[in-house]
PDB file of N, CA and C in Angstrom:
ATOM      1  N   MET A   1       2.539 -12.491  13.989  1.00  0.00           N
ATOM      2  CA  MET A   1       1.812 -12.093  12.827  1.00  0.00           C
ATOM      3  C   MET A   1       1.625 -10.580  12.868  1.00  0.00           C
ATOM      4  N   LYS A   2       1.720  -9.966  11.683  1.00  0.00           N
ATOM      5  CA  LYS A   2       1.524  -8.518  11.570  1.00  0.00           C
ATOM      6  C   LYS A   2       0.575  -8.244  10.424  1.00  0.00           C
ATOM      7  N   MET A   3      -0.045  -7.049  10.487  1.00  0.00           N
ATOM      8  CA  MET A   3      -0.823  -6.544   9.378  1.00  0.00           C
ATOM      9  C   MET A   3       0.068  -5.563   8.637  1.00  0.00           C
ATOM     10  N   PHE A   4       0.206  -5.754   7.360  1.00  0.00           N
ATOM     11  CA  PHE A   4       0.978  -4.872   6.511  1.00  0.00           C
ATOM     12  C   PHE A   4      -0.012  -4.080   5.666  1.00  0.00           C
ATOM     13  N   TRP A   5       0.030  -2.740   5.740  1.00  0.00           N
ATOM     14  CA  TRP A   5      -0.961  -1.888   5.078  1.00  0.00           C
ATOM     15  C   TRP A   5      -0.219  -0.924   4.195  1.00  0.00           C
ATOM     16  N   VAL A   6      -0.537  -0.909   2.917  1.00  0.00           N
ATOM     17  CA  VAL A   6       0.042   0.008   1.961  1.00  0.00           C
ATOM     18  C   VAL A   6      -1.054   0.857   1.320  1.00  0.00           C
ATOM     19  N   VAL A   7      -0.826   2.157   1.291  1.00  0.00           N
ATOM     20  CA  VAL A   7      -1.726   3.106   0.618  1.00  0.00           C
ATOM     21  C   VAL A   7      -0.926   3.758  -0.493  1.00  0.00           C
ATOM     22  N   TYR A   8      -1.564   3.847  -1.675  1.00  0.00           N
ATOM     23  CA  TYR A   8      -0.784   4.344  -2.838  1.00  0.00           C
ATOM     24  C   TYR A   8      -1.740   4.990  -3.853  1.00  0.00           C
ATOM     25  N   ASP A   9      -1.132   5.755  -4.750  1.00  0.00           N
ATOM     26  CA  ASP A   9      -1.876   6.412  -5.856  1.00  0.00           C
ATOM     27  C   ASP A   9      -2.564   5.388  -6.718  1.00  0.00           C
ATOM     28  N   ASP A  10      -3.825   5.607  -6.985  1.00  0.00           N
ATOM     29  CA  ASP A  10      -4.656   4.679  -7.761  1.00  0.00           C
ATOM     30  C   ASP A  10      -4.022   4.294  -9.077  1.00  0.00           C
ATOM     31  N   TYR A  11      -3.449   5.244  -9.789  1.00  0.00           N
ATOM     32  CA  TYR A  11      -2.902   4.952 -11.115  1.00  0.00           C
ATOM     33  C   TYR A  11      -1.727   3.997 -11.090  1.00  0.00           C
ATOM     34  N   PHE A  12      -1.141   3.770  -9.929  1.00  0.00           N
ATOM     35  CA  PHE A  12       0.040   2.923  -9.797  1.00  0.00           C
ATOM     36  C   PHE A  12      -0.321   1.514  -9.370  1.00  0.00           C
ATOM     37  N   ASP A  13      -1.575   1.145  -9.456  1.00  0.00           N
ATOM     38  CA  ASP A  13      -2.082  -0.085  -8.918  1.00  0.00           C
ATOM     39  C   ASP A  13      -1.383  -1.350  -9.510  1.00  0.00           C
ATOM     40  N   ASP A  14      -1.305  -1.455 -10.813  1.00  0.00           N
ATOM     41  CA  ASP A  14      -0.736  -2.659 -11.435  1.00  0.00           C
ATOM     42  C   ASP A  14       0.724  -2.878 -11.005  1.00  0.00           C
ATOM     43  N   SER A  15       1.504  -1.824 -10.973  1.00  0.00           N
ATOM     44  CA  SER A  15       2.939  -1.960 -10.611  1.00  0.00           C
ATOM     45  C   SER A  15       3.058  -2.481  -9.165  1.00  0.00           C
ATOM     46  N   ILE A  16       2.296  -1.933  -8.273  1.00  0.00           N
ATOM     47  CA  ILE A  16       2.384  -2.316  -6.862  1.00  0.00           C
ATOM     48  C   ILE A  16       1.870  -3.722  -6.635  1.00  0.00           C
ATOM     49  N   THR A  17       0.704  -4.045  -7.205  1.00  0.00           N
ATOM     50  CA  THR A  17       0.157  -5.383  -7.078  1.00  0.00           C
ATOM     51  C   THR A  17       1.115  -6.428  -7.639  1.00  0.00           C
ATOM     52  N   ASN A  18       1.662  -6.160  -8.802  1.00  0.00           N
ATOM     53  CA  ASN A  18       2.632  -7.122  -9.444  1.00  0.00           C
ATOM     54  C   ASN A  18       3.896  -7.261  -8.609  1.00  0.00           C
ATOM     55  N   ALA A  19       4.388  -6.166  -8.008  1.00  0.00           N
ATOM     56  CA  ALA A  19       5.593  -6.284  -7.200  1.00  0.00           C
ATOM     57  C   ALA A  19       5.358  -7.187  -6.015  1.00  0.00           C
ATOM     58  N   PHE A  20       4.218  -7.084  -5.339  1.00  0.00           N
ATOM     59  CA  PHE A  20       3.929  -7.940  -4.198  1.00  0.00           C
ATOM     60  C   PHE A  20       3.713  -9.393  -4.643  1.00  0.00           C
ATOM     61  N   LYS A  21       3.017  -9.615  -5.737  1.00  0.00           N
ATOM     62  CA  LYS A  21       2.803 -10.980  -6.223  1.00  0.00           C
ATOM     63  C   LYS A  21       4.101 -11.629  -6.641  1.00  0.00           C
ATOM     64  N   GLN A  22       4.993 -10.905  -7.303  1.00  0.00           N
ATOM     65  CA  GLN A  22       6.269 -11.452  -7.697  1.00  0.00           C
ATOM     66  C   GLN A  22       7.137 -11.806  -6.503  1.00  0.00           C
ATOM     67  N   SER A  23       6.905 -11.150  -5.355  1.00  0.00           N
ATOM     68  CA  SER A  23       7.685 -11.459  -4.174  1.00  0.00           C
ATOM     69  C   SER A  23       7.115 -12.653  -3.431  1.00  0.00           C
ATOM     70  N   GLY A  24       6.024 -13.199  -3.925  1.00  0.00           N
ATOM     71  CA  GLY A  24       5.441 -14.398  -3.284  1.00  0.00           C
ATOM     72  C   GLY A  24       4.175 -14.132  -2.462  1.00  0.00           C
ATOM     73  N   CYS A  25       3.748 -12.905  -2.371  1.00  0.00           N
ATOM     74  CA  CYS A  25       2.517 -12.597  -1.629  1.00  0.00           C
ATOM     75  C   CYS A  25       1.300 -12.883  -2.497  1.00  0.00           C
ATOM     76  N   LYS A  26       0.536 -13.820  -2.084  1.00  0.00           N
ATOM     77  CA  LYS A  26      -0.614 -14.232  -2.914  1.00  0.00           C
ATOM     78  C   LYS A  26      -1.967 -13.868  -2.250  1.00  0.00           C
ATOM     79  N   SER A  27      -1.948 -13.602  -0.961  1.00  0.00           N
ATOM     80  CA  SER A  27      -3.198 -13.297  -0.236  1.00  0.00           C
ATOM     81  C   SER A  27      -3.190 -11.843   0.216  1.00  0.00           C
ATOM     82  N   TYR A  28      -4.166 -11.112  -0.197  1.00  0.00           N
ATOM     83  CA  TYR A  28      -4.317  -9.713   0.204  1.00  0.00           C
ATOM     84  C   TYR A  28      -5.741  -9.274   0.045  1.00  0.00           C
ATOM     85  N   MET A  29      -6.051  -8.161   0.660  1.00  0.00           N
ATOM     86  CA  MET A  29      -7.341  -7.491   0.456  1.00  0.00           C
ATOM     87  C   MET A  29      -7.053  -6.126  -0.053  1.00  0.00           C
ATOM     88  N   LYS A  30      -7.719  -5.739  -1.154  1.00  0.00           N
ATOM     89  CA  LYS A  30      -7.494  -4.452  -1.781  1.00  0.00           C
ATOM     90  C   LYS A  30      -8.725  -3.581  -1.542  1.00  0.00           C
ATOM     91  N   LEU A  31      -8.502  -2.370  -1.106  1.00  0.00           N
ATOM     92  CA  LEU A  31      -9.553  -1.390  -0.881  1.00  0.00           C
ATOM     93  C   LEU A  31      -9.451  -0.307  -1.943  1.00  0.00           C
ATOM     94  N   HIS A  32     -10.569  -0.054  -2.631  1.00  0.00           N
ATOM     95  CA  HIS A  32     -10.572   0.890  -3.737  1.00  0.00           C
ATOM     96  C   HIS A  32     -11.182   2.211  -3.289  1.00  0.00           C
ATOM     97  N   ASN A  33     -10.867   3.260  -3.997  1.00  0.00           N
ATOM     98  CA  ASN A  33     -11.495   4.596  -3.848  1.00  0.00           C
ATOM     99  C   ASN A  33     -11.271   5.209  -2.483  1.00  0.00           C
ATOM    100  N   ALA A  34     -10.081   5.050  -1.934  1.00  0.00           N
ATOM    101  CA  ALA A  34      -9.758   5.693  -0.673  1.00  0.00           C
ATOM    102  C   ALA A  34      -9.449   7.164  -0.959  1.00  0.00           C
ATOM    103  N   THR A  35      -9.827   8.028  -0.023  1.00  0.00           N
ATOM    104  CA  THR A  35      -9.544   9.443  -0.178  1.00  0.00           C
ATOM    105  C   THR A  35      -8.888   9.935   1.142  1.00  0.00           C
ATOM    106  N   GLY A  36      -8.213  11.057   1.045  1.00  0.00           N
ATOM    107  CA  GLY A  36      -7.594  11.612   2.244  1.00  0.00           C
ATOM    108  C   GLY A  36      -6.620  12.728   1.899  1.00  0.00           C
ATOM    109  N   GLU A  37      -5.867  13.133   2.890  1.00  0.00           N
ATOM    110  CA  GLU A  37      -4.903  14.203   2.759  1.00  0.00           C
ATOM    111  C   GLU A  37      -3.589  13.817   3.414  1.00  0.00           C
ATOM    112  N   SER A  38      -2.500  14.288   2.865  1.00  0.00           N
ATOM    113  CA  SER A  38      -1.207  14.139   3.545  1.00  0.00           C
ATOM    114  C   SER A  38      -0.426  15.412   3.311  1.00  0.00           C
ATOM    115  N   GLN A  39       0.611  15.597   4.125  1.00  0.00           N
ATOM    116  CA  GLN A  39       1.438  16.808   4.036  1.00  0.00           C
ATOM    117  C   GLN A  39       2.225  16.830   2.731  1.00  0.00           C
ATOM    118  N   THR A  40       2.589  15.668   2.221  1.00  0.00           N
ATOM    119  CA  THR A  40       3.432  15.657   1.027  1.00  0.00           C
ATOM    120  C   THR A  40       2.629  15.599  -0.254  1.00  0.00           C
ATOM    121  N   SER A  41       1.523  14.889  -0.319  1.00  0.00           N
ATOM    122  CA  SER A  41       0.802  14.768  -1.594  1.00  0.00           C
ATOM    123  C   SER A  41      -0.451  15.630  -1.623  1.00  0.00           C
ATOM    124  N   GLY A  42      -0.793  16.291  -0.530  1.00  0.00           N
ATOM    125  CA  GLY A  42      -1.986  17.137  -0.512  1.00  0.00           C
ATOM    126  C   GLY A  42      -3.257  16.318  -0.446  1.00  0.00           C
ATOM    127  N   ALA A  43      -4.375  16.951  -0.807  1.00  0.00           N
ATOM    128  CA  ALA A  43      -5.680  16.327  -0.709  1.00  0.00           C
ATOM    129  C   ALA A  43      -5.971  15.553  -1.987  1.00  0.00           C
ATOM    130  N   ARG A  44      -6.448  14.344  -1.822  1.00  0.00           N
ATOM    131  CA  ARG A  44      -6.913  13.474  -2.917  1.00  0.00           C
ATOM    132  C   ARG A  44      -8.319  13.012  -2.472  1.00  0.00           C
ATOM    133  N   LEU A  45      -9.329  13.806  -2.875  1.00  0.00           N
ATOM    134  CA  LEU A  45     -10.652  13.558  -2.346  1.00  0.00           C
ATOM    135  C   LEU A  45     -11.649  13.104  -3.408  1.00  0.00           C
ATOM    136  N   GLY A  46     -11.182  12.837  -4.636  1.00  0.00           N
ATOM    137  CA  GLY A  46     -12.055  12.356  -5.668  1.00  0.00           C
ATOM    138  C   GLY A  46     -13.109  13.332  -6.144  1.00  0.00           C
ATOM    139  N   THR A  47     -12.843  14.632  -5.984  1.00  0.00           N
ATOM    140  CA  THR A  47     -13.786  15.680  -6.429  1.00  0.00           C
ATOM    141  C   THR A  47     -13.121  16.505  -7.544  1.00  0.00           C
ATOM    142  N   HIS A  48     -13.926  17.386  -8.133  1.00  0.00           N
ATOM    143  CA  HIS A  48     -13.365  18.249  -9.170  1.00  0.00           C
ATOM    144  C   HIS A  48     -12.295  19.150  -8.594  1.00  0.00           C
ATOM    145  N   LYS A  49     -12.552  19.651  -7.421  1.00  0.00           N
ATOM    146  CA  LYS A  49     -11.592  20.591  -6.792  1.00  0.00           C
ATOM    147  C   LYS A  49     -10.363  19.876  -6.259  1.00  0.00           C
ATOM    148  N   ARG A  50     -10.522  18.672  -5.767  1.00  0.00           N
ATOM    149  CA  ARG A  50      -9.430  17.863  -5.222  1.00  0.00           C
ATOM    150  C   ARG A  50      -9.488  16.474  -5.862  1.00  0.00           C
ATOM    151  N   PRO A  51      -9.032  16.358  -7.146  1.00  0.00           N
ATOM    152  CA  PRO A  51      -9.147  15.101  -7.829  1.00  0.00           C
ATOM    153  C   PRO A  51      -8.173  14.036  -7.285  1.00  0.00           C
ATOM    154  N   GLY A  52      -8.385  12.808  -7.693  1.00  0.00           N
ATOM    155  CA  GLY A  52      -7.511  11.716  -7.340  1.00  0.00           C
ATOM    156  C   GLY A  52      -8.114  10.839  -6.245  1.00  0.00           C
ATOM    157  N   ARG A  53      -7.735   9.598  -6.318  1.00  0.00           N
ATOM    158  CA  ARG A  53      -8.114   8.617  -5.303  1.00  0.00           C
ATOM    159  C   ARG A  53      -6.940   7.729  -5.072  1.00  0.00           C
ATOM    160  N   ASP A  54      -6.977   7.009  -3.964  1.00  0.00           N
ATOM    161  CA  ASP A  54      -5.942   6.053  -3.610  1.00  0.00           C
ATOM    162  C   ASP A  54      -6.562   4.659  -3.536  1.00  0.00           C
ATOM    163  N   LYS A  55      -5.683   3.691  -3.504  1.00  0.00           N
ATOM    164  CA  LYS A  55      -6.050   2.318  -3.190  1.00  0.00           C
ATOM    165  C   LYS A  55      -5.188   1.893  -2.019  1.00  0.00           C
ATOM    166  N   SER A  56      -5.597   0.838  -1.366  1.00  0.00           N
ATOM    167  CA  SER A  56      -4.739   0.288  -0.317  1.00  0.00           C
ATOM    168  C   SER A  56      -4.824  -1.222  -0.320  1.00  0.00           C
ATOM    169  N   ILE A  57      -3.780  -1.842   0.150  1.00  0.00           N
ATOM    170  CA  ILE A  57      -3.696  -3.289   0.254  1.00  0.00           C
ATOM    171  C   ILE A  57      -3.414  -3.620   1.688  1.00  0.00           C
ATOM    172  N   LEU A  58      -4.141  -4.619   2.199  1.00  0.00           N
ATOM    173  CA  LEU A  58      -3.928  -5.142   3.557  1.00  0.00           C
ATOM    174  C   LEU A  58      -3.468  -6.582   3.404  1.00  0.00           C
ATOM    175  N   MET A  59      -2.408  -6.956   4.132  1.00  0.00           N
ATOM    176  CA  MET A  59      -1.926  -8.325   4.100  1.00  0.00           C
ATOM    177  C   MET A  59      -1.586  -8.780   5.525  1.00  0.00           C
ATOM    178  N   ALA A  60      -2.113  -9.917   5.913  1.00  0.00           N
ATOM    179  CA  ALA A  60      -1.719 -10.553   7.177  1.00  0.00           C
ATOM    180  C   ALA A  60      -0.507 -11.438   6.870  1.00  0.00           C
ATOM    181  N   VAL A  61       0.618 -11.106   7.467  1.00  0.00           N
ATOM    182  CA  VAL A  61       1.881 -11.821   7.138  1.00  0.00           C
ATOM    183  C   VAL A  61       2.677 -12.151   8.368  1.00  0.00           C
ATOM    184  N   PRO A  62       3.482 -13.202   8.315  1.00  0.00           N
ATOM    185  CA  PRO A  62       4.378 -13.514   9.425  1.00  0.00           C
ATOM    186  C   PRO A  62       5.352 -12.381   9.653  1.00  0.00           C
ATOM    187  N   ASP A  63       5.780 -12.177  10.877  1.00  0.00           N
ATOM    188  CA  ASP A  63       6.716 -11.108  11.239  1.00  0.00           C
ATOM    189  C   ASP A  63       7.961 -11.086  10.333  1.00  0.00           C
ATOM    190  N   GLU A  64       8.476 -12.255   9.996  1.00  0.00           N
ATOM    191  CA  GLU A  64       9.726 -12.328   9.254  1.00  0.00           C
ATOM    192  C   GLU A  64       9.575 -11.854   7.804  1.00  0.00           C
ATOM    193  N   ASN A  65       8.359 -11.715   7.286  1.00  0.00           N
ATOM    194  CA  ASN A  65       8.143 -11.216   5.934  1.00  0.00           C
ATOM    195  C   ASN A  65       8.100  -9.693   5.839  1.00  0.00           C
ATOM    196  N   ILE A  66       7.965  -9.026   6.964  1.00  0.00           N
ATOM    197  CA  ILE A  66       7.809  -7.576   6.975  1.00  0.00           C
ATOM    198  C   ILE A  66       9.046  -6.865   6.372  1.00  0.00           C
ATOM    199  N   PRO A  67      10.295  -7.205   6.703  1.00  0.00           N
ATOM    200  CA  PRO A  67      11.410  -6.493   6.094  1.00  0.00           C
ATOM    201  C   PRO A  67      11.427  -6.578   4.562  1.00  0.00           C
ATOM    202  N   ARG A  68      11.074  -7.738   4.032  1.00  0.00           N
ATOM    203  CA  ARG A  68      11.036  -7.905   2.559  1.00  0.00           C
ATOM    204  C   ARG A  68       9.988  -7.023   1.928  1.00  0.00           C
ATOM    205  N   LEU A  69       8.786  -6.944   2.558  1.00  0.00           N
ATOM    206  CA  LEU A  69       7.699  -6.097   2.038  1.00  0.00           C
ATOM    207  C   LEU A  69       8.081  -4.605   2.127  1.00  0.00           C
ATOM    208  N   LEU A  70       8.695  -4.219   3.236  1.00  0.00           N
ATOM    209  CA  LEU A  70       9.132  -2.832   3.366  1.00  0.00           C
ATOM    210  C   LEU A  70      10.157  -2.480   2.313  1.00  0.00           C
ATOM    211  N   GLU A  71      11.046  -3.417   1.992  1.00  0.00           N
ATOM    212  CA  GLU A  71      12.069  -3.188   0.976  1.00  0.00           C
ATOM    213  C   GLU A  71      11.425  -3.009  -0.393  1.00  0.00           C
ATOM    214  N   ILE A  72      10.371  -3.741  -0.675  1.00  0.00           N
ATOM    215  CA  ILE A  72       9.633  -3.557  -1.949  1.00  0.00           C
ATOM    216  C   ILE A  72       9.110  -2.117  -2.040  1.00  0.00           C
ATOM    217  N   VAL A  73       8.483  -1.652  -0.963  1.00  0.00           N
ATOM    218  CA  VAL A  73       7.951  -0.288  -0.954  1.00  0.00           C
ATOM    219  C   VAL A  73       9.060   0.742  -1.090  1.00  0.00           C
ATOM    220  N   ARG A  74      10.150   0.531  -0.384  1.00  0.00           N
ATOM    221  CA  ARG A  74      11.287   1.462  -0.506  1.00  0.00           C
ATOM    222  C   ARG A  74      11.815   1.489  -1.950  1.00  0.00           C
ATOM    223  N   GLY A  75      11.896   0.303  -2.586  1.00  0.00           N
ATOM    224  CA  GLY A  75      12.367   0.248  -3.971  1.00  0.00           C
ATOM    225  C   GLY A  75      11.467   0.940  -4.928  1.00  0.00           C
ATOM    226  N   LEU A  76      10.135   0.771  -4.741  1.00  0.00           N
ATOM    227  CA  LEU A  76       9.177   1.457  -5.593  1.00  0.00           C
ATOM    228  C   LEU A  76       9.266   2.983  -5.421  1.00  0.00           C
ATOM    229  N   LYS A  77       9.432   3.452  -4.178  1.00  0.00           N
ATOM    230  CA  LYS A  77       9.566   4.894  -3.938  1.00  0.00           C
ATOM    231  C   LYS A  77      10.871   5.410  -4.590  1.00  0.00           C
ATOM    232  N   ALA A  78      11.928   4.633  -4.503  1.00  0.00           N
ATOM    233  CA  ALA A  78      13.190   5.065  -5.113  1.00  0.00           C
ATOM    234  C   ALA A  78      13.116   5.122  -6.630  1.00  0.00           C
ATOM    235  N   ASP A  79      12.455   4.139  -7.210  1.00  0.00           N
ATOM    236  CA  ASP A  79      12.308   4.063  -8.671  1.00  0.00           C
ATOM    237  C   ASP A  79      11.321   5.090  -9.206  1.00  0.00           C
ATOM    238  N   HIS A  80      10.342   5.451  -8.400  1.00  0.00           N
ATOM    239  CA  HIS A  80       9.259   6.364  -8.828  1.00  0.00           C
ATOM    240  C   HIS A  80       9.027   7.391  -7.711  1.00  0.00           C
ATOM    241  N   PRO A  81       9.922   8.348  -7.590  1.00  0.00           N
ATOM    242  CA  PRO A  81       9.857   9.277  -6.443  1.00  0.00           C
ATOM    243  C   PRO A  81       8.591  10.155  -6.386  1.00  0.00           C
ATOM    244  N   LYS A  82       7.899  10.291  -7.502  1.00  0.00           N
ATOM    245  CA  LYS A  82       6.728  11.163  -7.503  1.00  0.00           C
ATOM    246  C   LYS A  82       5.458  10.472  -7.108  1.00  0.00           C
ATOM    247  N   ILE A  83       5.461   9.132  -6.993  1.00  0.00           N
ATOM    248  CA  ILE A  83       4.232   8.445  -6.598  1.00  0.00           C
ATOM    249  C   ILE A  83       4.007   8.585  -5.112  1.00  0.00           C
ATOM    250  N   GLY A  84       2.750   8.607  -4.753  1.00  0.00           N
ATOM    251  CA  GLY A  84       2.414   8.622  -3.321  1.00  0.00           C
ATOM    252  C   GLY A  84       2.280   7.166  -2.884  1.00  0.00           C
ATOM    253  N   ILE A  85       3.080   6.727  -1.980  1.00  0.00           N
ATOM    254  CA  ILE A  85       2.988   5.360  -1.430  1.00  0.00           C
ATOM    255  C   ILE A  85       3.478   5.410  -0.005  1.00  0.00           C
ATOM    256  N   ARG A  86       2.699   4.773   0.866  1.00  0.00           N
ATOM    257  CA  ARG A  86       3.074   4.682   2.289  1.00  0.00           C
ATOM    258  C   ARG A  86       2.769   3.261   2.779  1.00  0.00           C
ATOM    259  N   ALA A  87       3.561   2.818   3.690  1.00  0.00           N
ATOM    260  CA  ALA A  87       3.376   1.475   4.266  1.00  0.00           C
ATOM    261  C   ALA A  87       3.485   1.587   5.791  1.00  0.00           C
ATOM    262  N   VAL A  88       2.620   0.877   6.477  1.00  0.00           N
ATOM    263  CA  VAL A  88       2.682   0.780   7.930  1.00  0.00           C
ATOM    264  C   VAL A  88       2.421  -0.672   8.299  1.00  0.00           C
ATOM    265  N   THR A  89       2.911  -1.038   9.459  1.00  0.00           N
ATOM    266  CA  THR A  89       2.656  -2.372  10.024  1.00  0.00           C
ATOM    267  C   THR A  89       2.097  -2.156  11.420  1.00  0.00           C
ATOM    268  N   PHE A  90       1.323  -3.139  11.848  1.00  0.00           N
ATOM    269  CA  PHE A  90       0.835  -3.143  13.224  1.00  0.00           C
ATOM    270  C   PHE A  90       0.539  -4.566  13.643  1.00  0.00           C
ATOM    271  N   PRO A  91       0.581  -4.825  14.954  1.00  0.00           N
ATOM    272  CA  PRO A  91       0.370  -6.204  15.439  1.00  0.00           C
ATOM    273  C   PRO A  91      -1.007  -6.715  15.029  1.00  0.00           C
ATOM    274  N   LEU A  92      -1.039  -7.983  14.726  1.00  0.00           N
ATOM    275  CA  LEU A  92      -2.278  -8.655  14.384  1.00  0.00           C
ATOM    276  C   LEU A  92      -2.553  -9.663  15.500  1.00  0.00           C
ATOM    277  N   GLU A  93      -3.591  -9.372  16.283  1.00  0.00           N
ATOM    278  CA  GLU A  93      -3.886 -10.176  17.461  1.00  0.00           C
ATOM    279  C   GLU A  93      -4.480 -11.529  17.106  1.00  0.00           C
ATOM    280  N   GLU A  94      -5.423 -11.528  16.136  1.00  0.00           N
ATOM    281  CA  GLU A  94      -6.082 -12.785  15.777  1.00  0.00           C
ATOM    282  C   GLU A  94      -6.201 -12.813  14.278  1.00  0.00           C
ATOM    283  N   CYS A  95      -6.061 -14.004  13.700  1.00  0.00           N
ATOM    284  CA  CYS A  95      -6.191 -14.164  12.270  1.00  0.00           C
ATOM    285  C   CYS A  95      -6.741 -15.560  12.016  1.00  0.00           C
ATOM    286  N   ILE A  96      -7.883 -15.621  11.391  1.00  0.00           N
ATOM    287  CA  ILE A  96      -8.473 -16.897  11.022  1.00  0.00           C
ATOM    288  C   ILE A  96      -8.257 -17.067   9.534  1.00  0.00           C
ATOM    289  N   LEU A  97      -7.394 -17.967   9.169  1.00  0.00           N
ATOM    290  CA  LEU A  97      -7.091 -18.160   7.743  1.00  0.00           C
ATOM    291  C   LEU A  97      -7.744 -19.404   7.235  1.00  0.00           C
TER     292      LEU A  97
END
């Protein structure tokens, strides 16, 4: 089991959520109003000086689903190169479903 974590521009929420749902992912946790900085997209701190916020989705998924989810993110980046979207995976030690 792995945790799949995606962070993306707030305004792109519907497209990303729909892409994961269409791929068969029905269980996720969405975190709203994330802020931070990156080297490529700069600061998104939700302030007048640094506007913008992000959202993120966390999904506990079987290891074999990870390549399909990463391909969705790669496809979204290719189709919309200006959006900020990042995905990471990490081992999930325990999961009570």
